[in-house]
PDB file of N, CA and C in Angstrom:
ATOM      1  N   MET A   1    -164.056  20.522-131.966  1.00  0.00           N
ATOM      2  CA  MET A   1    -163.329  21.336-132.920  1.00  0.00           C
ATOM      3  C   MET A   1    -164.311  21.853-133.972  1.00  0.00           C
ATOM      4  N   GLU A   2    -164.146  23.109-134.310  1.00  0.00           N
ATOM      5  CA  GLU A   2    -165.013  23.717-135.305  1.00  0.00           C
ATOM      6  C   GLU A   2    -164.245  23.961-136.595  1.00  0.00           C
ATOM      7  N   ILE A   3    -164.962  23.949-137.704  1.00  0.00           N
ATOM      8  CA  ILE A   3    -164.330  24.123-139.015  1.00  0.00           C
ATOM      9  C   ILE A   3    -163.609  25.471-139.121  1.00  0.00           C
ATOM     10  N   ASN A   4    -164.165  26.537-138.531  1.00  0.00           N
ATOM     11  CA  ASN A   4    -163.526  27.851-138.642  1.00  0.00           C
ATOM     12  C   ASN A   4    -162.174  27.885-137.934  1.00  0.00           C
ATOM     13  N   GLU A   5    -162.081  27.235-136.785  1.00  0.00           N
ATOM     14  CA  GLU A   5    -160.800  27.134-136.076  1.00  0.00           C
ATOM     15  C   GLU A   5    -159.800  26.344-136.925  1.00  0.00           C
ATOM     16  N   PHE A   6    -160.280  25.258-137.522  1.00  0.00           N
ATOM     17  CA  PHE A   6    -159.425  24.430-138.368  1.00  0.00           C
ATOM     18  C   PHE A   6    -158.928  25.237-139.569  1.00  0.00           C
ATOM     19  N   ILE A   7    -159.809  26.011-140.179  1.00  0.00           N
ATOM     20  CA  ILE A   7    -159.429  26.835-141.329  1.00  0.00           C
ATOM     21  C   ILE A   7    -158.366  27.857-140.923  1.00  0.00           C
ATOM     22  N   ASP A   8    -158.512  28.471-139.757  1.00  0.00           N
ATOM     23  CA  ASP A   8    -157.498  29.415-139.278  1.00  0.00           C
ATOM     24  C   ASP A   8    -156.141  28.732-139.119  1.00  0.00           C
ATOM     25  N   ASN A   9    -156.141  27.546-138.524  1.00  0.00           N
ATOM     26  CA  ASN A   9    -154.894  26.800-138.345  1.00  0.00           C
ATOM     27  C   ASN A   9    -154.315  26.361-139.686  1.00  0.00           C
ATOM     28  N   LEU A  10    -155.185  25.961-140.600  1.00  0.00           N
ATOM     29  CA  LEU A  10    -154.741  25.549-141.932  1.00  0.00           C
ATOM     30  C   LEU A  10    -154.143  26.739-142.686  1.00  0.00           C
ATOM     31  N   ALA A  11    -154.805  27.873-142.624  1.00  0.00           N
ATOM     32  CA  ALA A  11    -154.329  29.077-143.323  1.00  0.00           C
ATOM     33  C   ALA A  11    -152.957  29.510-142.814  1.00  0.00           C
ATOM     34  N   ALA A  12    -152.676  29.251-141.549  1.00  0.00           N
ATOM     35  CA  ALA A  12    -151.377  29.625-140.972  1.00  0.00           C
ATOM     36  C   ALA A  12    -150.221  28.859-141.623  1.00  0.00           C
ATOM     37  N   GLN A  13    -150.534  27.757-142.304  1.00  0.00           N
ATOM     38  CA  GLN A  13    -149.499  26.959-142.964  1.00  0.00           C
ATOM     39  C   GLN A  13    -149.102  27.562-144.318  1.00  0.00           C
ATOM     40  N   PHE A  14    -149.911  28.468-144.813  1.00  0.00           N
ATOM     41  CA  PHE A  14    -149.668  29.118-146.099  1.00  0.00           C
ATOM     42  C   PHE A  14    -149.101  30.513-145.855  1.00  0.00           C
ATOM     43  N   ASP A  15    -148.212  30.964-146.711  1.00  0.00           N
ATOM     44  CA  ASP A  15    -147.653  32.306-146.591  1.00  0.00           C
ATOM     45  C   ASP A  15    -148.558  33.357-147.221  1.00  0.00           C
ATOM     46  N   GLU A  16    -149.171  33.014-148.345  1.00  0.00           N
ATOM     47  CA  GLU A  16    -149.904  34.015-149.116  1.00  0.00           C
ATOM     48  C   GLU A  16    -151.409  33.777-149.176  1.00  0.00           C
ATOM     49  N   THR A  17    -151.881  32.716-148.570  1.00  0.00           N
ATOM     50  CA  THR A  17    -153.309  32.392-148.590  1.00  0.00           C
ATOM     51  C   THR A  17    -153.881  32.665-147.205  1.00  0.00           C
ATOM     52  N   SER A  18    -154.866  33.549-147.136  1.00  0.00           N
ATOM     53  CA  SER A  18    -155.441  33.895-145.834  1.00  0.00           C
ATOM     54  C   SER A  18    -156.663  33.034-145.547  1.00  0.00           C
ATOM     55  N   ALA A  19    -157.067  33.032-144.278  1.00  0.00           N
ATOM     56  CA  ALA A  19    -158.202  32.212-143.844  1.00  0.00           C
ATOM     57  C   ALA A  19    -159.479  32.586-144.583  1.00  0.00           C
ATOM     58  N   ASP A  20    -159.648  33.868-144.947  1.00  0.00           N
ATOM     59  CA  ASP A  20    -160.875  34.254-145.634  1.00  0.00           C
ATOM     60  C   ASP A  20    -160.920  33.758-147.077  1.00  0.00           C
ATOM     61  N   GLN A  21    -159.789  33.252-147.586  1.00  0.00           N
ATOM     62  CA  GLN A  21    -159.763  32.650-148.917  1.00  0.00           C
ATOM     63  C   GLN A  21    -160.093  31.157-148.866  1.00  0.00           C
ATOM     64  N   LEU A  22    -160.081  30.589-147.674  1.00  0.00           N
ATOM     65  CA  LEU A  22    -160.351  29.158-147.506  1.00  0.00           C
ATOM     66  C   LEU A  22    -161.773  28.951-147.017  1.00  0.00           C
ATOM     67  N   LYS A  23    -162.484  28.094-147.690  1.00  0.00           N
ATOM     68  CA  LYS A  23    -163.847  27.714-147.323  1.00  0.00           C
ATOM     69  C   LYS A  23    -163.875  26.189-147.214  1.00  0.00           C
ATOM     70  N   PRO A  24    -164.887  25.621-146.572  1.00  0.00           N
ATOM     71  CA  PRO A  24    -164.954  24.158-146.494  1.00  0.00           C
ATOM     72  C   PRO A  24    -164.881  23.477-147.866  1.00  0.00           C
ATOM     73  N   GLU A  25    -165.433  24.125-148.890  1.00  0.00           N
ATOM     74  CA  GLU A  25    -165.457  23.516-150.226  1.00  0.00           C
ATOM     75  C   GLU A  25    -164.209  23.811-151.068  1.00  0.00           C
ATOM     76  N   THR A  26    -163.261  24.581-150.513  1.00  0.00           N
ATOM     77  CA  THR A  26    -162.032  24.903-151.244  1.00  0.00           C
ATOM     78  C   THR A  26    -161.210  23.638-151.502  1.00  0.00           C
ATOM     79  N   GLU A  27    -160.805  23.442-152.753  1.00  0.00           N
ATOM     80  CA  GLU A  27    -159.922  22.329-153.099  1.00  0.00           C
ATOM     81  C   GLU A  27    -158.488  22.815-152.870  1.00  0.00           C
ATOM     82  N   PHE A  28    -157.977  22.491-151.686  1.00  0.00           N
ATOM     83  CA  PHE A  28    -156.723  23.085-151.217  1.00  0.00           C
ATOM     84  C   PHE A  28    -155.526  22.769-152.103  1.00  0.00           C
ATOM     85  N   ARG A  29    -155.504  21.614-152.751  1.00  0.00           N
ATOM     86  CA  ARG A  29    -154.355  21.277-153.606  1.00  0.00           C
ATOM     87  C   ARG A  29    -154.346  22.078-154.905  1.00  0.00           C
ATOM     88  N   LYS A  30    -155.451  22.746-155.221  1.00  0.00           N
ATOM     89  CA  LYS A  30    -155.502  23.577-156.427  1.00  0.00           C
ATOM     90  C   LYS A  30    -155.034  25.007-156.167  1.00  0.00           C
ATOM     91  N   LEU A  31    -154.735  25.332-154.916  1.00  0.00           N
ATOM     92  CA  LEU A  31    -154.218  26.663-154.593  1.00  0.00           C
ATOM     93  C   LEU A  31    -152.825  26.825-155.204  1.00  0.00           C
ATOM     94  N   ASP A  32    -152.548  28.011-155.731  1.00  0.00           N
ATOM     95  CA  ASP A  32    -151.248  28.280-156.360  1.00  0.00           C
ATOM     96  C   ASP A  32    -150.090  27.982-155.418  1.00  0.00           C
ATOM     97  N   GLU A  33    -150.310  28.223-154.164  1.00  0.00           N
ATOM     98  CA  GLU A  33    -149.247  28.098-153.170  1.00  0.00           C
ATOM     99  C   GLU A  33    -149.015  26.655-152.704  1.00  0.00           C
ATOM    100  N   TRP A  34    -149.886  25.722-153.081  1.00  0.00           N
ATOM    101  CA  TRP A  34    -149.796  24.344-152.596  1.00  0.00           C
ATOM    102  C   TRP A  34    -148.460  23.714-152.979  1.00  0.00           C
ATOM    103  N   SER A  35    -147.854  23.009-152.028  1.00  0.00           N
ATOM    104  CA  SER A  35    -146.603  22.288-152.288  1.00  0.00           C
ATOM    105  C   SER A  35    -146.481  21.139-151.290  1.00  0.00           C
ATOM    106  N   SER A  36    -145.517  20.280-151.545  1.00  0.00           N
ATOM    107  CA  SER A  36    -145.282  19.169-150.618  1.00  0.00           C
ATOM    108  C   SER A  36    -144.809  19.693-149.260  1.00  0.00           C
ATOM    109  N   LEU A  37    -144.139  20.832-149.250  1.00  0.00           N
ATOM    110  CA  LEU A  37    -143.696  21.427-147.987  1.00  0.00           C
ATOM    111  C   LEU A  37    -144.902  21.856-147.144  1.00  0.00           C
ATOM    112  N   ILE A  38    -145.916  22.401-147.788  1.00  0.00           N
ATOM    113  CA  ILE A  38    -147.133  22.778-147.065  1.00  0.00           C
ATOM    114  C   ILE A  38    -147.842  21.534-146.558  1.00  0.00           C
ATOM    115  N   ALA A  39    -147.825  20.460-147.339  1.00  0.00           N
ATOM    116  CA  ALA A  39    -148.415  19.198-146.881  1.00  0.00           C
ATOM    117  C   ALA A  39    -147.737  18.740-145.590  1.00  0.00           C
ATOM    118  N   LEU A  40    -146.415  18.837-145.544  1.00  0.00           N
ATOM    119  CA  LEU A  40    -145.686  18.465-144.319  1.00  0.00           C
ATOM    120  C   LEU A  40    -146.048  19.387-143.165  1.00  0.00           C
ATOM    121  N   SER A  41    -146.235  20.670-143.462  1.00  0.00           N
ATOM    122  CA  SER A  41    -146.635  21.630-142.426  1.00  0.00           C
ATOM    123  C   SER A  41    -148.013  21.285-141.871  1.00  0.00           C
ATOM    124  N   ILE A  42    -148.914  20.837-142.737  1.00  0.00           N
ATOM    125  CA  ILE A  42    -150.259  20.450-142.298  1.00  0.00           C
ATOM    126  C   ILE A  42    -150.186  19.221-141.396  1.00  0.00           C
ATOM    127  N   ILE A  43    -149.327  18.274-141.753  1.00  0.00           N
ATOM    128  CA  ILE A  43    -149.140  17.080-140.916  1.00  0.00           C
ATOM    129  C   ILE A  43    -148.641  17.492-139.529  1.00  0.00           C
ATOM    130  N   ALA A  44    -147.673  18.416-139.489  1.00  0.00           N
ATOM    131  CA  ALA A  44    -147.140  18.892-138.201  1.00  0.00           C
ATOM    132  C   ALA A  44    -148.200  19.662-137.425  1.00  0.00           C
ATOM    133  N   MET A  45    -148.982  20.491-138.109  1.00  0.00           N
ATOM    134  CA  MET A  45    -150.047  21.267-137.455  1.00  0.00           C
ATOM    135  C   MET A  45    -151.098  20.344-136.842  1.00  0.00           C
ATOM    136  N   ALA A  46    -151.480  19.289-137.560  1.00  0.00           N
ATOM    137  CA  ALA A  46    -152.480  18.351-137.037  1.00  0.00           C
ATOM    138  C   ALA A  46    -151.971  17.691-135.761  1.00  0.00           C
ATOM    139  N   ASP A  47    -150.689  17.380-135.738  1.00  0.00           N
ATOM    140  CA  ASP A  47    -150.090  16.762-134.558  1.00  0.00           C
ATOM    141  C   ASP A  47    -150.039  17.745-133.390  1.00  0.00           C
ATOM    142  N   GLU A  48    -149.557  18.957-133.645  1.00  0.00           N
ATOM    143  CA  GLU A  48    -149.403  19.949-132.578  1.00  0.00           C
ATOM    144  C   GLU A  48    -150.737  20.452-132.039  1.00  0.00           C
ATOM    145  N   GLU A  49    -151.647  20.795-132.934  1.00  0.00           N
ATOM    146  CA  GLU A  49    -152.913  21.427-132.530  1.00  0.00           C
ATOM    147  C   GLU A  49    -153.962  20.426-132.060  1.00  0.00           C
ATOM    148  N   TYR A  50    -153.966  19.236-132.665  1.00  0.00           N
ATOM    149  CA  TYR A  50    -155.061  18.294-132.408  1.00  0.00           C
ATOM    150  C   TYR A  50    -154.605  16.932-131.893  1.00  0.00           C
ATOM    151  N   GLY A  51    -153.282  16.722-131.796  1.00  0.00           N
ATOM    152  CA  GLY A  51    -152.786  15.431-131.325  1.00  0.00           C
ATOM    153  C   GLY A  51    -153.112  14.294-132.273  1.00  0.00           C
ATOM    154  N   VAL A  52    -153.189  14.616-133.572  1.00  0.00           N
ATOM    155  CA  VAL A  52    -153.578  13.645-134.595  1.00  0.00           C
ATOM    156  C   VAL A  52    -152.393  13.402-135.522  1.00  0.00           C
ATOM    157  N   THR A  53    -152.130  12.130-135.823  1.00  0.00           N
ATOM    158  CA  THR A  53    -151.069  11.785-136.753  1.00  0.00           C
ATOM    159  C   THR A  53    -151.663  11.574-138.137  1.00  0.00           C
ATOM    160  N   LEU A  54    -151.387  12.512-139.029  1.00  0.00           N
ATOM    161  CA  LEU A  54    -151.816  12.384-140.419  1.00  0.00           C
ATOM    162  C   LEU A  54    -150.698  11.745-141.223  1.00  0.00           C
ATOM    163  N   LYS A  55    -151.080  11.011-142.241  1.00  0.00           N
ATOM    164  CA  LYS A  55    -150.115  10.430-143.169  1.00  0.00           C
ATOM    165  C   LYS A  55    -150.318  11.097-144.532  1.00  0.00           C
ATOM    166  N   GLY A  56    -149.345  10.948-145.392  1.00  0.00           N
ATOM    167  CA  GLY A  56    -149.454  11.505-146.734  1.00  0.00           C
ATOM    168  C   GLY A  56    -150.708  11.033-147.443  1.00  0.00           C
ATOM    169  N   ASP A  57    -151.069   9.758-147.242  1.00  0.00           N
ATOM    170  CA  ASP A  57    -152.276   9.214-147.883  1.00  0.00           C
ATOM    171  C   ASP A  57    -153.543   9.900-147.391  1.00  0.00           C
ATOM    172  N   ASP A  58    -153.547  10.367-146.131  1.00  0.00           N
ATOM    173  CA  ASP A  58    -154.708  11.093-145.607  1.00  0.00           C
ATOM    174  C   ASP A  58    -154.908  12.386-146.391  1.00  0.00           C
ATOM    175  N   ILE A  59    -153.804  13.053-146.685  1.00  0.00           N
ATOM    176  CA  ILE A  59    -153.887  14.307-147.435  1.00  0.00           C
ATOM    177  C   ILE A  59    -154.218  14.026-148.897  1.00  0.00           C
ATOM    178  N   LYS A  60    -153.613  12.979-149.464  1.00  0.00           N
ATOM    179  CA  LYS A  60    -153.912  12.622-150.859  1.00  0.00           C
ATOM    180  C   LYS A  60    -155.376  12.243-151.034  1.00  0.00           C
ATOM    181  N   GLY A  61    -155.948  11.630-150.015  1.00  0.00           N
ATOM    182  CA  GLY A  61    -157.339  11.187-150.092  1.00  0.00           C
ATOM    183  C   GLY A  61    -158.346  12.312-149.899  1.00  0.00           C
ATOM    184  N   ALA A  62    -157.882  13.460-149.433  1.00  0.00           N
ATOM    185  CA  ALA A  62    -158.760  14.609-149.205  1.00  0.00           C
ATOM    186  C   ALA A  62    -158.707  15.535-150.412  1.00  0.00           C
ATOM    187  N   THR A  63    -159.866  16.042-150.793  1.00  0.00           N
ATOM    188  CA  THR A  63    -159.936  16.971-151.919  1.00  0.00           C
ATOM    189  C   THR A  63    -160.176  18.391-151.425  1.00  0.00           C
ATOM    190  N   THR A  64    -161.096  18.520-150.487  1.00  0.00           N
ATOM    191  CA  THR A  64    -161.480  19.844-149.999  1.00  0.00           C
ATOM    192  C   THR A  64    -160.995  20.058-148.562  1.00  0.00           C
ATOM    193  N   VAL A  65    -161.085  21.294-148.128  1.00  0.00           N
ATOM    194  CA  VAL A  65    -160.768  21.624-146.738  1.00  0.00           C
ATOM    195  C   VAL A  65    -161.675  20.820-145.808  1.00  0.00           C
ATOM    196  N   GLN A  66    -162.946  20.681-146.175  1.00  0.00           N
ATOM    197  CA  GLN A  66    -163.895  19.901-145.368  1.00  0.00           C
ATOM    198  C   GLN A  66    -163.437  18.454-145.244  1.00  0.00           C
ATOM    199  N   ASP A  67    -162.955  17.862-146.339  1.00  0.00           N
ATOM    200  CA  ASP A  67    -162.456  16.482-146.303  1.00  0.00           C
ATOM    201  C   ASP A  67    -161.307  16.356-145.302  1.00  0.00           C
ATOM    202  N   LEU A  68    -160.400  17.306-145.344  1.00  0.00           N
ATOM    203  CA  LEU A  68    -159.247  17.291-144.440  1.00  0.00           C
ATOM    204  C   LEU A  68    -159.699  17.440-142.993  1.00  0.00           C
ATOM    205  N   PHE A  69    -160.631  18.353-142.763  1.00  0.00           N
ATOM    206  CA  PHE A  69    -161.220  18.557-141.434  1.00  0.00           C
ATOM    207  C   PHE A  69    -161.855  17.264-140.935  1.00  0.00           C
ATOM    208  N   ASP A  70    -162.596  16.583-141.809  1.00  0.00           N
ATOM    209  CA  ASP A  70    -163.270  15.330-141.434  1.00  0.00           C
ATOM    210  C   ASP A  70    -162.264  14.240-141.058  1.00  0.00           C
ATOM    211  N   VAL A  71    -161.154  14.168-141.774  1.00  0.00           N
ATOM    212  CA  VAL A  71    -160.111  13.175-141.473  1.00  0.00           C
ATOM    213  C   VAL A  71    -159.510  13.441-140.107  1.00  0.00           C
ATOM    214  N   VAL A  72    -159.188  14.701-139.841  1.00  0.00           N
ATOM    215  CA  VAL A  72    -158.605  15.060-138.543  1.00  0.00           C
ATOM    216  C   VAL A  72    -159.594  14.773-137.425  1.00  0.00           C
ATOM    217  N   ASN A  73    -160.852  15.140-137.642  1.00  0.00           N
ATOM    218  CA  ASN A  73    -161.898  14.895-136.636  1.00  0.00           C
ATOM    219  C   ASN A  73    -162.086  13.415-136.366  1.00  0.00           C
ATOM    220  N   ALA A  74    -162.071  12.605-137.409  1.00  0.00           N
ATOM    221  CA  ALA A  74    -162.261  11.153-137.253  1.00  0.00           C
ATOM    222  C   ALA A  74    -161.090  10.532-136.475  1.00  0.00           C
ATOM    223  N   LYS A  75    -159.888  10.994-136.736  1.00  0.00           N
ATOM    224  CA  LYS A  75    -158.723  10.445-136.039  1.00  0.00           C
ATOM    225  C   LYS A  75    -158.645  10.940-134.601  1.00  0.00           C
ATOM    226  N   LYS A  76    -159.256  12.070-134.341  1.00  0.00           N
ATOM    227  CA  LYS A  76    -159.241  12.643-132.991  1.00  0.00           C
ATOM    228  C   LYS A  76    -160.140  11.870-132.048  1.00  0.00           C
ATOM    229  N   ALA A  77    -161.172  11.262-132.604  1.00  0.00           N
ATOM    230  CA  ALA A  77    -162.176  10.566-131.788  1.00  0.00           C
ATOM    231  C   ALA A  77    -161.617   9.317-131.148  1.00  0.00           C
TER     232      ALA A  77
END
């Protein structure tokens, strides 16, 4: 899995935030559009796209898009 593919999938969870606005260093929870509903969408996306079960604590423990990518990658292994 590559970070750019992950960013595209992550961006699809947002209505107003496009993939070109997301970078590995982006602090996703600071985005205006961030909400608990988007967090749930990310959990569902990780399951559907990568077969990974994320928990709320996984998202709380991540600060940047890269952190989230690393968590998904680690659970995928």
